[in-house]
PDB file of N, CA and C in Angstrom:
ATOM      1  N   MET A   1     -10.714 -21.353  41.215  1.00  0.00           N
ATOM      2  CA  MET A   1     -12.266 -21.584  41.195  1.00  0.00           C
ATOM      3  C   MET A   1     -12.605 -22.334  42.399  1.00  0.00           C
ATOM      4  N   SER A   2     -13.699 -22.085  43.019  1.00  0.00           N
ATOM      5  CA  SER A   2     -14.202 -22.734  44.240  1.00  0.00           C
ATOM      6  C   SER A   2     -15.164 -23.893  43.870  1.00  0.00           C
ATOM      7  N   ASN A   3     -15.002 -24.919  44.687  1.00  0.00           N
ATOM      8  CA  ASN A   3     -15.795 -26.018  44.549  1.00  0.00           C
ATOM      9  C   ASN A   3     -16.810 -26.151  45.713  1.00  0.00           C
ATOM     10  N   VAL A   4     -17.265 -24.955  46.153  1.00  0.00           N
ATOM     11  CA  VAL A   4     -18.296 -24.875  47.105  1.00  0.00           C
ATOM     12  C   VAL A   4     -19.670 -25.321  46.645  1.00  0.00           C
ATOM     13  N   VAL A   5     -20.276 -26.213  47.298  1.00  0.00           N
ATOM     14  CA  VAL A   5     -21.704 -26.657  46.963  1.00  0.00           C
ATOM     15  C   VAL A   5     -22.642 -25.812  47.744  1.00  0.00           C
ATOM     16  N   LYS A   6     -23.582 -25.171  47.063  1.00  0.00           N
ATOM     17  CA  LYS A   6     -24.495 -24.171  47.758  1.00  0.00           C
ATOM     18  C   LYS A   6     -25.611 -25.197  48.440  1.00  0.00           C
ATOM     19  N   THR A   7     -25.934 -24.888  49.662  1.00  0.00           N
ATOM     20  CA  THR A   7     -26.962 -25.633  50.375  1.00  0.00           C
ATOM     21  C   THR A   7     -27.956 -24.529  50.818  1.00  0.00           C
ATOM     22  N   TYR A   8     -29.248 -25.056  51.050  1.00  0.00           N
ATOM     23  CA  TYR A   8     -30.253 -24.207  51.449  1.00  0.00           C
ATOM     24  C   TYR A   8     -31.209 -25.044  52.251  1.00  0.00           C
ATOM     25  N   LYS A   9     -32.118 -24.360  53.001  1.00  0.00           N
ATOM     26  CA  LYS A   9     -33.155 -25.072  53.758  1.00  0.00           C
ATOM     27  C   LYS A   9     -34.363 -25.193  52.893  1.00  0.00           C
ATOM     28  N   CYS A  10     -35.016 -26.270  52.873  1.00  0.00           N
ATOM     29  CA  CYS A  10     -36.306 -26.427  52.113  1.00  0.00           C
ATOM     30  C   CYS A  10     -37.399 -25.553  52.872  1.00  0.00           C
ATOM     31  N   PRO A  11     -38.160 -24.848  52.209  1.00  0.00           N
ATOM     32  CA  PRO A  11     -39.115 -23.992  52.825  1.00  0.00           C
ATOM     33  C   PRO A  11     -40.270 -24.757  53.412  1.00  0.00           C
ATOM     34  N   ILE A  12     -40.470 -26.047  53.161  1.00  0.00           N
ATOM     35  CA  ILE A  12     -41.438 -26.801  53.612  1.00  0.00           C
ATOM     36  C   ILE A  12     -41.079 -27.644  54.812  1.00  0.00           C
ATOM     37  N   CYS A  13     -40.060 -28.483  54.629  1.00  0.00           N
ATOM     38  CA  CYS A  13     -39.648 -29.449  55.687  1.00  0.00           C
ATOM     39  C   CYS A  13     -38.441 -28.906  56.511  1.00  0.00           C
ATOM     40  N   HIS A  14     -37.846 -27.747  55.974  1.00  0.00           N
ATOM     41  CA  HIS A  14     -36.547 -27.191  56.534  1.00  0.00           C
ATOM     42  C   HIS A  14     -35.338 -27.982  56.675  1.00  0.00           C
ATOM     43  N   LYS A  15     -35.360 -29.051  55.866  1.00  0.00           N
ATOM     44  CA  LYS A  15     -34.088 -29.958  55.693  1.00  0.00           C
ATOM     45  C   LYS A  15     -33.082 -29.157  54.837  1.00  0.00           C
ATOM     46  N   ILE A  16     -31.858 -29.302  55.194  1.00  0.00           N
ATOM     47  CA  ILE A  16     -30.897 -28.728  54.401  1.00  0.00           C
ATOM     48  C   ILE A  16     -30.587 -29.707  53.156  1.00  0.00           C
ATOM     49  N   ALA A  17     -30.694 -29.057  52.055  1.00  0.00           N
ATOM     50  CA  ALA A  17     -30.636 -29.906  50.763  1.00  0.00           C
ATOM     51  C   ALA A  17     -29.608 -29.175  49.770  1.00  0.00           C
ATOM     52  N   PRO A  18     -28.846 -30.079  49.103  1.00  0.00           N
ATOM     53  CA  PRO A  18     -28.029 -29.477  48.007  1.00  0.00           C
ATOM     54  C   PRO A  18     -28.874 -29.154  46.814  1.00  0.00           C
ATOM     55  N   GLU A  19     -28.282 -28.388  45.943  1.00  0.00           N
ATOM     56  CA  GLU A  19     -29.085 -27.952  44.793  1.00  0.00           C
ATOM     57  C   GLU A  19     -29.550 -29.212  44.063  1.00  0.00           C
ATOM     58  N   ASN A  20     -30.711 -29.140  43.559  1.00  0.00           N
ATOM     59  CA  ASN A  20     -31.406 -30.201  42.737  1.00  0.00           C
ATOM     60  C   ASN A  20     -32.429 -29.685  41.931  1.00  0.00           C
ATOM     61  N   LYS A  21     -32.975 -30.506  41.177  1.00  0.00           N
ATOM     62  CA  LYS A  21     -33.972 -30.110  40.169  1.00  0.00           C
ATOM     63  C   LYS A  21     -35.335 -29.568  40.832  1.00  0.00           C
ATOM     64  N   TYR A  22     -35.537 -29.808  42.047  1.00  0.00           N
ATOM     65  CA  TYR A  22     -36.753 -29.260  42.858  1.00  0.00           C
ATOM     66  C   TYR A  22     -36.500 -27.992  43.631  1.00  0.00           C
ATOM     67  N   LYS A  23     -35.411 -27.363  43.331  1.00  0.00           N
ATOM     68  CA  LYS A  23     -34.962 -26.119  44.071  1.00  0.00           C
ATOM     69  C   LYS A  23     -36.105 -25.167  43.938  1.00  0.00           C
ATOM     70  N   PRO A  24     -36.407 -24.544  45.092  1.00  0.00           N
ATOM     71  CA  PRO A  24     -35.907 -24.409  46.346  1.00  0.00           C
ATOM     72  C   PRO A  24     -36.249 -25.553  47.347  1.00  0.00           C
ATOM     73  N   PHE A  25     -37.034 -26.575  46.886  1.00  0.00           N
ATOM     74  CA  PHE A  25     -37.554 -27.643  47.553  1.00  0.00           C
ATOM     75  C   PHE A  25     -36.603 -28.714  47.607  1.00  0.00           C
ATOM     76  N   CYS A  26     -36.554 -29.600  48.586  1.00  0.00           N
ATOM     77  CA  CYS A  26     -35.600 -30.716  48.632  1.00  0.00           C
ATOM     78  C   CYS A  26     -36.176 -31.950  47.857  1.00  0.00           C
ATOM     79  N   SER A  27     -37.359 -31.993  47.549  1.00  0.00           N
ATOM     80  CA  SER A  27     -37.943 -33.152  46.850  1.00  0.00           C
ATOM     81  C   SER A  27     -39.226 -32.742  46.140  1.00  0.00           C
ATOM     82  N   LYS A  28     -39.658 -33.635  45.286  1.00  0.00           N
ATOM     83  CA  LYS A  28     -40.946 -33.441  44.605  1.00  0.00           C
ATOM     84  C   LYS A  28     -42.054 -33.352  45.573  1.00  0.00           C
ATOM     85  N   ARG A  29     -41.951 -34.133  46.632  1.00  0.00           N
ATOM     86  CA  ARG A  29     -43.054 -34.154  47.680  1.00  0.00           C
ATOM     87  C   ARG A  29     -43.171 -32.885  48.324  1.00  0.00           C
ATOM     88  N   CYS A  30     -42.066 -32.270  48.600  1.00  0.00           N
ATOM     89  CA  CYS A  30     -42.259 -30.917  49.167  1.00  0.00           C
ATOM     90  C   CYS A  30     -42.657 -29.770  48.199  1.00  0.00           C
ATOM     91  N   ALA A  31     -42.293 -30.082  46.973  1.00  0.00           N
ATOM     92  CA  ALA A  31     -42.776 -29.001  45.922  1.00  0.00           C
ATOM     93  C   ALA A  31     -44.300 -29.288  45.784  1.00  0.00           C
ATOM     94  N   ASP A  32     -44.757 -30.448  45.775  1.00  0.00           N
ATOM     95  CA  ASP A  32     -46.222 -30.721  45.615  1.00  0.00           C
ATOM     96  C   ASP A  32     -46.931 -30.195  46.875  1.00  0.00           C
ATOM     97  N   ILE A  33     -46.428 -30.343  48.046  1.00  0.00           N
ATOM     98  CA  ILE A  33     -47.012 -29.856  49.080  1.00  0.00           C
ATOM     99  C   ILE A  33     -47.224 -28.338  49.085  1.00  0.00           C
ATOM    100  N   ASP A  34     -46.265 -27.632  48.579  1.00  0.00           N
ATOM    101  CA  ASP A  34     -46.241 -26.111  48.412  1.00  0.00           C
ATOM    102  C   ASP A  34     -47.300 -25.734  47.366  1.00  0.00           C
ATOM    103  N   LEU A  35     -47.442 -26.440  46.295  1.00  0.00           N
ATOM    104  CA  LEU A  35     -48.284 -26.258  45.300  1.00  0.00           C
ATOM    105  C   LEU A  35     -49.737 -26.388  45.829  1.00  0.00           C
ATOM    106  N   GLY A  36     -50.013 -27.414  46.690  1.00  0.00           N
ATOM    107  CA  GLY A  36     -51.262 -27.730  47.218  1.00  0.00           C
ATOM    108  C   GLY A  36     -51.642 -26.547  48.260  1.00  0.00           C
ATOM    109  N   ASN A  37     -50.563 -26.004  48.954  1.00  0.00           N
ATOM    110  CA  ASN A  37     -50.822 -24.859  49.783  1.00  0.00           C
ATOM    111  C   ASN A  37     -51.406 -23.653  48.969  1.00  0.00           C
ATOM    112  N   TRP A  38     -50.840 -23.471  47.733  1.00  0.00           N
ATOM    113  CA  TRP A  38     -51.366 -22.399  46.845  1.00  0.00           C
ATOM    114  C   TRP A  38     -52.709 -22.665  46.472  1.00  0.00           C
ATOM    115  N   PHE A  39     -53.052 -23.869  46.092  1.00  0.00           N
ATOM    116  CA  PHE A  39     -54.404 -24.184  45.494  1.00  0.00           C
ATOM    117  C   PHE A  39     -55.426 -24.188  46.692  1.00  0.00           C
ATOM    118  N   ASN A  40     -55.016 -24.533  47.900  1.00  0.00           N
ATOM    119  CA  ASN A  40     -55.982 -24.447  49.081  1.00  0.00           C
ATOM    120  C   ASN A  40     -56.085 -23.003  49.685  1.00  0.00           C
ATOM    121  N   GLU A  41     -55.339 -22.076  49.026  1.00  0.00           N
ATOM    122  CA  GLU A  41     -55.322 -20.721  49.516  1.00  0.00           C
ATOM    123  C   GLU A  41     -54.800 -20.543  50.915  1.00  0.00           C
ATOM    124  N   SER A  42     -53.788 -21.400  51.174  1.00  0.00           N
ATOM    125  CA  SER A  42     -53.116 -21.202  52.508  1.00  0.00           C
ATOM    126  C   SER A  42     -52.127 -20.126  52.427  1.00  0.00           C
ATOM    127  N   TYR A  43     -51.625 -19.819  51.257  1.00  0.00           N
ATOM    128  CA  TYR A  43     -50.882 -18.623  51.031  1.00  0.00           C
ATOM    129  C   TYR A  43     -51.725 -17.572  50.285  1.00  0.00           C
ATOM    130  N   THR A  44     -51.578 -16.296  50.696  1.00  0.00           N
ATOM    131  CA  THR A  44     -52.326 -15.257  50.018  1.00  0.00           C
ATOM    132  C   THR A  44     -51.331 -13.997  49.634  1.00  0.00           C
ATOM    133  N   VAL A  45     -51.752 -13.351  48.618  1.00  0.00           N
ATOM    134  CA  VAL A  45     -51.039 -12.202  48.361  1.00  0.00           C
ATOM    135  C   VAL A  45     -51.998 -11.051  48.816  1.00  0.00           C
ATOM    136  N   PRO A  46     -51.309 -10.195  49.647  1.00  0.00           N
ATOM    137  CA  PRO A  46     -52.057  -9.009  50.220  1.00  0.00           C
ATOM    138  C   PRO A  46     -52.689  -8.077  49.156  1.00  0.00           C
ATOM    139  N   ALA A  47     -53.780  -7.657  49.269  1.00  0.00           N
ATOM    140  CA  ALA A  47     -54.561  -6.777  48.424  1.00  0.00           C
ATOM    141  C   ALA A  47     -55.134  -5.669  49.107  1.00  0.00           C
ATOM    142  N   VAL A  48     -55.395  -4.487  48.396  1.00  0.00           N
ATOM    143  CA  VAL A  48     -55.921  -3.358  49.000  1.00  0.00           C
ATOM    144  C   VAL A  48     -57.362  -3.223  48.453  1.00  0.00           C
ATOM    145  N   GLU A  49     -58.310  -3.103  49.270  1.00  0.00           N
ATOM    146  CA  GLU A  49     -59.650  -2.930  48.976  1.00  0.00           C
ATOM    147  C   GLU A  49     -59.870  -1.508  48.475  1.00  0.00           C
ATOM    148  N   LEU A  50     -60.490  -1.405  47.339  1.00  0.00           N
ATOM    149  CA  LEU A  50     -60.775  -0.048  46.720  1.00  0.00           C
ATOM    150  C   LEU A  50     -62.199   0.345  46.991  1.00  0.00           C
ATOM    151  N   ASP A  51     -62.481   1.637  47.257  1.00  0.00           N
ATOM    152  CA  ASP A  51     -63.881   2.044  47.317  1.00  0.00           C
ATOM    153  C   ASP A  51     -64.359   2.372  45.910  1.00  0.00           C
ATOM    154  N   ASP A  52     -65.632   2.651  45.723  1.00  0.00           N
ATOM    155  CA  ASP A  52     -66.244   2.918  44.405  1.00  0.00           C
ATOM    156  C   ASP A  52     -65.618   4.077  43.700  1.00  0.00           C
ATOM    157  N   THR A  53     -65.224   5.056  44.527  1.00  0.00           N
ATOM    158  CA  THR A  53     -64.764   6.261  43.788  1.00  0.00           C
ATOM    159  C   THR A  53     -63.282   5.928  43.320  1.00  0.00           C
ATOM    160  N   GLU A  54     -62.535   5.194  44.074  1.00  0.00           N
ATOM    161  CA  GLU A  54     -61.212   4.874  43.579  1.00  0.00           C
ATOM    162  C   GLU A  54     -61.252   3.913  42.314  1.00  0.00           C
ATOM    163  N   ILE A  55     -62.149   2.975  42.296  1.00  0.00           N
ATOM    164  CA  ILE A  55     -62.321   2.117  41.179  1.00  0.00           C
ATOM    165  C   ILE A  55     -62.718   3.074  39.918  1.00  0.00           C
ATOM    166  N   LYS A  56     -63.683   3.946  40.169  1.00  0.00           N
ATOM    167  CA  LYS A  56     -64.105   4.797  38.982  1.00  0.00           C
ATOM    168  C   LYS A  56     -62.894   5.547  38.476  1.00  0.00           C
ATOM    169  N   GLN A  57     -62.103   6.094  39.386  1.00  0.00           N
ATOM    170  CA  GLN A  57     -60.889   7.001  38.889  1.00  0.00           C
ATOM    171  C   GLN A  57     -59.950   6.031  38.149  1.00  0.00           C
ATOM    172  N   LEU A  58     -59.735   4.757  38.590  1.00  0.00           N
ATOM    173  CA  LEU A  58     -58.813   3.927  37.906  1.00  0.00           C
ATOM    174  C   LEU A  58     -59.398   3.457  36.580  1.00  0.00           C
ATOM    175  N   GLN A  59     -60.770   3.282  36.437  1.00  0.00           N
ATOM    176  CA  GLN A  59     -61.385   2.894  35.161  1.00  0.00           C
ATOM    177  C   GLN A  59     -61.150   4.148  34.146  1.00  0.00           C
ATOM    178  N   GLU A  60     -61.398   5.350  34.592  1.00  0.00           N
ATOM    179  CA  GLU A  60     -61.331   6.552  33.779  1.00  0.00           C
ATOM    180  C   GLU A  60     -59.957   6.648  33.251  1.00  0.00           C
ATOM    181  N   ALA A  61     -58.847   6.464  34.187  1.00  0.00           N
ATOM    182  CA  ALA A  61     -57.569   6.533  33.852  1.00  0.00           C
ATOM    183  C   ALA A  61     -57.150   5.503  32.870  1.00  0.00           C
ATOM    184  N   LEU A  62     -57.668   4.300  32.884  1.00  0.00           N
ATOM    185  CA  LEU A  62     -57.420   3.222  31.958  1.00  0.00           C
ATOM    186  C   LEU A  62     -58.070   3.476  30.583  1.00  0.00           C
ATOM    187  N   ASP A  63     -59.306   4.194  30.638  1.00  0.00           N
ATOM    188  CA  ASP A  63     -59.912   4.526  29.370  1.00  0.00           C
ATOM    189  C   ASP A  63     -59.227   5.486  28.572  1.00  0.00           C
ATOM    190  N   LYS A  64     -58.314   6.285  29.192  1.00  0.00           N
ATOM    191  CA  LYS A  64     -57.656   7.407  28.613  1.00  0.00           C
ATOM    192  C   LYS A  64     -56.290   6.926  28.078  1.00  0.00           C
ATOM    193  N   THR A  65     -55.966   5.604  28.314  1.00  0.00           N
ATOM    194  CA  THR A  65     -54.640   5.140  27.677  1.00  0.00           C
ATOM    195  C   THR A  65     -54.784   5.057  26.250  1.00  0.00           C
ATOM    196  N   PRO A  66     -53.519   5.310  25.457  1.00  0.00           N
ATOM    197  CA  PRO A  66     -53.643   5.361  24.016  1.00  0.00           C
ATOM    198  C   PRO A  66     -54.174   4.127  23.344  1.00  0.00           C
ATOM    199  N   GLU A  67     -53.909   2.981  23.876  1.00  0.00           N
ATOM    200  CA  GLU A  67     -54.457   1.700  23.258  1.00  0.00           C
ATOM    201  C   GLU A  67     -56.013   1.632  23.460  1.00  0.00           C
ATOM    202  N   ASN A  68     -56.667   2.372  24.406  1.00  0.00           N
ATOM    203  CA  ASN A  68     -58.035   2.373  24.442  1.00  0.00           C
ATOM    204  C   ASN A  68     -58.809   3.507  23.772  1.00  0.00           C
ATOM    205  N   GLU A  69     -58.002   4.432  23.221  1.00  0.00           N
ATOM    206  CA  GLU A  69     -58.647   5.602  22.453  1.00  0.00           C
ATOM    207  C   GLU A  69     -58.926   5.100  21.036  1.00  0.00           C
ATOM    208  N   GLU A  70     -60.088   5.570  20.526  1.00  0.00           N
ATOM    209  CA  GLU A  70     -60.400   5.259  19.102  1.00  0.00           C
ATOM    210  C   GLU A  70     -60.253   6.354  18.120  1.00  0.00           C
TER     211      GLU A  70
END
C-alpha cells in the first residue's frame, strides 16, 4: 500500500496544499473568497439566448410531457 499524500494547488491562491477539510481550497479564507466570487457574479455559467420561436417550441414540448397531461 502506498503512503503517498495527494497535493493540489488551491484554485484561489495557487499554493500547494495537502488534503484538508476545505478541499479544493487550502483554507477557509480561500473558500470564502471563492464563494464571494460566485455571489458577486465574477463567475458565470454560459447560457444560450433563445428567440421567441424556440421558447414557444420548448414550452409546447414541456406541455406534452406525461406529468403535464390531464
